[in-house]
């Protein structure tokens, strides 16, 4: 269940969190988990997209709620960077070929 859940940068972050919460609640009901809060935070971080996960680990969240907040912030920054790269890579204005006379 949890092993197949991975954050996609193409998807809605809140939907990812809701799906994680739904799977987590089922997992907790089935098993008697010790240190459930700590495990929940670690499992959540493990499910994040690799570009987001590494930055969230550096932020060092202490609680699940902090991890979600950091992940949301980091996801927005990663998406903003990706968008900027796409804009820079796209041809904005066709350039004339050098050396040709334009009349």
N, C-alpha and C. Protein backbone atom coordinates (compact mmCIF):
# COMPACT_ATOMS: atom_id res chain seq x y z
N UNK A 1 0.83 -1.20 0.00
CA UNK A 1 0.00 0.00 0.00
C UNK A 1 0.87 1.26 0.00
N UNK A 2 1.59 1.46 1.07
CA UNK A 2 2.39 2.67 1.23
C UNK A 2 3.58 2.68 0.28
N UNK A 3 4.09 1.49 -0.07
CA UNK A 3 5.27 1.41 -0.93
C UNK A 3 4.99 1.93 -2.32
N UNK A 4 3.75 1.86 -2.77
CA UNK A 4 3.40 2.30 -4.11
C UNK A 4 3.07 3.79 -4.20
N UNK A 5 2.95 4.45 -3.08
CA UNK A 5 2.59 5.87 -3.07
C UNK A 5 3.84 6.72 -3.23
N UNK A 6 3.85 7.53 -4.27
CA UNK A 6 4.95 8.47 -4.52
C UNK A 6 4.36 9.78 -4.98
N UNK A 7 4.93 10.87 -4.51
CA UNK A 7 4.47 12.19 -4.91
C UNK A 7 4.86 12.44 -6.36
N UNK A 8 3.93 13.00 -7.10
CA UNK A 8 4.19 13.41 -8.48
C UNK A 8 4.18 14.93 -8.51
N UNK A 9 5.14 15.51 -9.19
CA UNK A 9 5.15 16.96 -9.29
C UNK A 9 4.07 17.45 -10.25
N UNK A 10 3.48 16.53 -11.01
CA UNK A 10 2.40 16.90 -11.92
C UNK A 10 1.05 16.95 -11.22
N UNK A 11 0.96 16.32 -10.05
CA UNK A 11 -0.32 16.22 -9.36
C UNK A 11 -0.53 17.31 -8.32
N UNK A 12 -1.70 17.27 -7.72
CA UNK A 12 -2.08 18.21 -6.68
C UNK A 12 -1.47 17.77 -5.35
N UNK A 13 -0.75 18.66 -4.69
CA UNK A 13 -0.07 18.32 -3.44
C UNK A 13 -1.07 17.91 -2.37
N UNK A 14 -2.18 18.65 -2.26
CA UNK A 14 -3.18 18.32 -1.23
C UNK A 14 -3.78 16.94 -1.46
N UNK A 15 -4.00 16.57 -2.72
CA UNK A 15 -4.53 15.24 -3.03
C UNK A 15 -3.54 14.16 -2.60
N UNK A 16 -2.25 14.43 -2.79
CA UNK A 16 -1.22 13.49 -2.35
C UNK A 16 -1.26 13.32 -0.83
N UNK A 17 -1.38 14.43 -0.11
CA UNK A 17 -1.44 14.37 1.36
C UNK A 17 -2.69 13.62 1.80
N UNK A 18 -3.82 13.86 1.17
CA UNK A 18 -5.06 13.16 1.53
C UNK A 18 -4.92 11.67 1.29
N UNK A 19 -4.30 11.30 0.17
CA UNK A 19 -4.12 9.88 -0.12
C UNK A 19 -3.19 9.25 0.91
N UNK A 20 -2.13 9.96 1.28
CA UNK A 20 -1.23 9.45 2.32
C UNK A 20 -1.99 9.25 3.63
N UNK A 21 -2.78 10.25 4.01
CA UNK A 21 -3.55 10.18 5.26
C UNK A 21 -4.50 8.98 5.26
N UNK A 22 -5.16 8.75 4.12
CA UNK A 22 -6.11 7.63 4.03
C UNK A 22 -5.38 6.29 4.20
N UNK A 23 -4.26 6.14 3.53
CA UNK A 23 -3.49 4.89 3.64
C UNK A 23 -2.94 4.75 5.06
N UNK A 24 -2.46 5.84 5.63
CA UNK A 24 -1.90 5.80 6.98
C UNK A 24 -2.95 5.38 8.00
N UNK A 25 -4.15 5.93 7.88
CA UNK A 25 -5.20 5.59 8.86
C UNK A 25 -5.55 4.11 8.79
N UNK A 26 -5.55 3.52 7.59
CA UNK A 26 -5.79 2.09 7.46
C UNK A 26 -4.65 1.29 8.08
N UNK A 27 -3.43 1.75 7.85
CA UNK A 27 -2.25 1.06 8.37
C UNK A 27 -2.24 1.05 9.90
N UNK A 28 -2.57 2.17 10.49
CA UNK A 28 -2.57 2.29 11.95
C UNK A 28 -3.65 1.40 12.56
N UNK A 29 -4.80 1.30 11.91
CA UNK A 29 -5.89 0.46 12.41
C UNK A 29 -5.52 -1.02 12.39
N UNK A 30 -4.78 -1.43 11.38
CA UNK A 30 -4.43 -2.83 11.21
C UNK A 30 -3.29 -3.26 12.13
N UNK A 31 -2.35 -2.37 12.36
CA UNK A 31 -1.17 -2.72 13.16
C UNK A 31 -1.12 -1.87 14.42
N UNK A 32 -0.51 -2.41 15.43
CA UNK A 32 -0.27 -1.64 16.65
C UNK A 32 1.12 -1.03 16.52
N UNK A 33 1.18 0.18 16.03
CA UNK A 33 2.45 0.83 15.73
C UNK A 33 2.93 1.61 16.95
N UNK A 34 4.17 1.34 17.35
CA UNK A 34 4.80 2.15 18.39
C UNK A 34 5.46 3.35 17.72
N UNK A 35 5.54 4.45 18.41
CA UNK A 35 6.11 5.68 17.85
C UNK A 35 5.42 6.05 16.54
N UNK A 36 4.10 5.98 16.53
CA UNK A 36 3.32 6.19 15.32
C UNK A 36 3.57 7.57 14.70
N UNK A 37 3.71 8.60 15.51
CA UNK A 37 3.91 9.95 14.97
C UNK A 37 5.24 10.06 14.23
N UNK A 38 6.28 9.51 14.83
CA UNK A 38 7.60 9.55 14.21
C UNK A 38 7.60 8.72 12.92
N UNK A 39 7.01 7.55 12.97
CA UNK A 39 6.95 6.68 11.80
C UNK A 39 6.12 7.32 10.69
N UNK A 40 5.03 7.97 11.05
CA UNK A 40 4.18 8.65 10.07
C UNK A 40 4.98 9.72 9.33
N UNK A 41 5.73 10.51 10.09
CA UNK A 41 6.53 11.56 9.48
C UNK A 41 7.57 10.97 8.52
N UNK A 42 8.26 9.92 8.96
CA UNK A 42 9.29 9.30 8.12
C UNK A 42 8.70 8.66 6.87
N UNK A 43 7.57 7.99 7.00
CA UNK A 43 6.92 7.37 5.84
C UNK A 43 6.47 8.44 4.85
N UNK A 44 5.94 9.54 5.37
CA UNK A 44 5.51 10.64 4.51
C UNK A 44 6.69 11.18 3.72
N UNK A 45 7.78 11.45 4.40
CA UNK A 45 8.98 11.99 3.75
C UNK A 45 9.50 11.00 2.70
N UNK A 46 9.46 9.71 3.00
CA UNK A 46 9.92 8.70 2.05
C UNK A 46 9.06 8.67 0.78
N UNK A 47 7.80 9.08 0.88
CA UNK A 47 6.90 9.06 -0.27
C UNK A 47 7.02 10.31 -1.15
N UNK A 48 7.76 11.29 -0.69
CA UNK A 48 7.89 12.53 -1.44
C UNK A 48 8.73 12.33 -2.69
N UNK A 49 8.54 13.21 -3.67
CA UNK A 49 9.37 13.22 -4.87
C UNK A 49 10.80 13.46 -4.44
N UNK A 50 11.74 12.84 -5.11
CA UNK A 50 13.14 12.89 -4.69
C UNK A 50 13.68 14.32 -4.58
N UNK A 51 13.26 15.20 -5.48
CA UNK A 51 13.72 16.60 -5.44
C UNK A 51 13.19 17.32 -4.21
N UNK A 52 12.02 16.92 -3.76
CA UNK A 52 11.40 17.53 -2.58
C UNK A 52 11.91 16.85 -1.31
N UNK A 53 12.00 15.51 -1.35
CA UNK A 53 12.39 14.73 -0.18
C UNK A 53 13.74 15.15 0.38
N UNK A 54 14.73 15.30 -0.48
CA UNK A 54 16.07 15.66 -0.01
C UNK A 54 16.08 17.01 0.71
N UNK A 55 15.33 17.96 0.16
CA UNK A 55 15.28 19.29 0.78
C UNK A 55 14.51 19.27 2.11
N UNK A 56 13.45 18.46 2.18
CA UNK A 56 12.68 18.35 3.43
C UNK A 56 13.54 17.70 4.51
N UNK A 57 14.32 16.70 4.13
CA UNK A 57 15.21 16.05 5.11
C UNK A 57 16.22 17.05 5.65
N UNK A 58 16.73 17.93 4.78
CA UNK A 58 17.67 18.96 5.23
C UNK A 58 16.99 19.92 6.20
N UNK A 59 15.71 20.24 5.94
CA UNK A 59 14.95 21.14 6.82
C UNK A 59 14.81 20.54 8.22
N UNK A 60 14.82 19.21 8.31
CA UNK A 60 14.78 18.53 9.60
C UNK A 60 13.49 18.66 10.38
N UNK A 61 12.36 18.26 9.80
CA UNK A 61 11.10 18.37 10.55
C UNK A 61 11.10 17.45 11.76
N UNK A 62 10.43 17.91 12.81
CA UNK A 62 10.31 17.11 14.04
C UNK A 62 8.95 16.44 14.15
N UNK A 63 7.97 16.94 13.41
CA UNK A 63 6.63 16.38 13.47
C UNK A 63 6.11 16.16 12.04
N UNK A 64 5.05 15.38 11.95
CA UNK A 64 4.41 15.15 10.65
C UNK A 64 3.90 16.47 10.07
N UNK A 65 3.30 17.30 10.90
CA UNK A 65 2.75 18.57 10.43
C UNK A 65 3.85 19.46 9.86
N UNK A 66 5.01 19.49 10.51
CA UNK A 66 6.14 20.26 9.99
C UNK A 66 6.60 19.70 8.65
N UNK A 67 6.65 18.39 8.55
CA UNK A 67 7.08 17.75 7.30
C UNK A 67 6.14 18.12 6.15
N UNK A 68 4.83 18.12 6.41
CA UNK A 68 3.86 18.50 5.38
C UNK A 68 4.07 19.96 4.98
N UNK A 69 4.26 20.83 5.94
CA UNK A 69 4.49 22.25 5.64
C UNK A 69 5.75 22.46 4.83
N UNK A 70 6.83 21.83 5.24
CA UNK A 70 8.09 21.94 4.50
C UNK A 70 7.93 21.39 3.09
N UNK A 71 7.27 20.24 2.97
CA UNK A 71 7.09 19.61 1.67
C UNK A 71 6.25 20.48 0.74
N UNK A 72 5.22 21.09 1.27
CA UNK A 72 4.38 21.96 0.45
C UNK A 72 5.20 23.15 -0.05
N UNK A 73 5.97 23.75 0.83
CA UNK A 73 6.81 24.89 0.45
C UNK A 73 7.86 24.49 -0.58
N UNK A 74 8.51 23.37 -0.34
CA UNK A 74 9.57 22.90 -1.24
C UNK A 74 8.99 22.48 -2.60
N UNK A 75 7.78 21.91 -2.60
CA UNK A 75 7.15 21.52 -3.86
C UNK A 75 6.88 22.76 -4.71
N UNK A 76 6.37 23.81 -4.08
CA UNK A 76 6.10 25.05 -4.81
C UNK A 76 7.39 25.60 -5.41
N UNK A 77 8.48 25.57 -4.65
CA UNK A 77 9.76 26.09 -5.15
C UNK A 77 10.29 25.25 -6.30
N UNK A 78 10.19 23.94 -6.20
CA UNK A 78 10.66 23.05 -7.28
C UNK A 78 9.84 23.30 -8.54
N UNK A 79 8.52 23.41 -8.40
CA UNK A 79 7.66 23.65 -9.56
C UNK A 79 7.96 25.01 -10.19
N UNK A 80 8.23 26.01 -9.36
CA UNK A 80 8.56 27.34 -9.87
C UNK A 80 9.87 27.29 -10.67
N UNK A 81 10.87 26.55 -10.16
CA UNK A 81 12.14 26.40 -10.87
C UNK A 81 11.94 25.69 -12.20
N UNK A 82 11.14 24.62 -12.19
CA UNK A 82 10.89 23.88 -13.42
C UNK A 82 10.20 24.77 -14.46
N UNK A 83 9.25 25.57 -14.03
CA UNK A 83 8.55 26.46 -14.93
C UNK A 83 9.51 27.50 -15.51
N UNK A 84 10.38 28.04 -14.68
CA UNK A 84 11.36 29.02 -15.14
C UNK A 84 12.29 28.40 -16.18
N UNK A 85 12.72 27.16 -15.96
CA UNK A 85 13.58 26.48 -16.93
C UNK A 85 12.87 26.27 -18.25
N UNK A 86 11.57 25.94 -18.19
CA UNK A 86 10.80 25.75 -19.41
C UNK A 86 10.67 27.05 -20.19
N UNK A 87 10.46 28.14 -19.48
CA UNK A 87 10.31 29.44 -20.14
C UNK A 87 11.64 29.83 -20.79
N UNK A 88 12.74 29.63 -20.09
CA UNK A 88 14.04 29.98 -20.64
C UNK A 88 14.41 29.11 -21.83
N UNK A 89 13.97 27.87 -21.83
CA UNK A 89 14.30 26.95 -22.90
C UNK A 89 13.44 27.16 -24.14
N UNK A 90 12.29 27.79 -23.98
CA UNK A 90 11.40 27.97 -25.13
C UNK A 90 11.85 29.16 -25.96
N UNK A 91 11.74 29.03 -27.28
CA UNK A 91 12.13 30.15 -28.14
C UNK A 91 11.09 31.27 -28.02
N UNK A 92 11.53 32.41 -27.58
CA UNK A 92 10.60 33.52 -27.38
C UNK A 92 10.33 34.26 -28.69
N UNK A 93 11.41 34.61 -29.39
CA UNK A 93 11.28 35.36 -30.64
C UNK A 93 12.22 34.72 -31.64
N UNK A 94 11.74 34.43 -32.86
CA UNK A 94 12.66 33.88 -33.85
C UNK A 94 13.75 34.89 -34.16
N UNK A 95 14.96 34.44 -34.20
CA UNK A 95 16.10 35.32 -34.46
C UNK A 95 16.51 35.18 -35.92
N UNK A 96 16.89 36.31 -36.55
CA UNK A 96 17.35 36.22 -37.94
C UNK A 96 18.69 35.49 -38.01
N UNK A 97 18.91 34.85 -39.11
CA UNK A 97 20.16 34.14 -39.30
C UNK A 97 21.25 35.18 -39.53
N UNK A 98 22.34 35.08 -38.82
CA UNK A 98 23.45 36.03 -38.92
C UNK A 98 24.06 36.01 -40.31
N UNK A 99 24.41 37.20 -40.82
CA UNK A 99 25.10 37.29 -42.10
C UNK A 99 24.18 37.48 -43.29
N UNK A 100 22.88 37.37 -43.10
CA UNK A 100 21.94 37.58 -44.20
C UNK A 100 21.41 39.00 -44.12
N UNK A 101 21.30 39.62 -45.27
CA UNK A 101 20.74 40.97 -45.32
C UNK A 101 19.22 40.88 -45.28
N UNK A 102 18.65 41.61 -44.39
CA UNK A 102 17.19 41.65 -44.29
C UNK A 102 16.70 42.89 -45.01
N UNK A 103 15.80 42.73 -45.93
CA UNK A 103 15.27 43.88 -46.68
C UNK A 103 13.81 44.06 -46.40
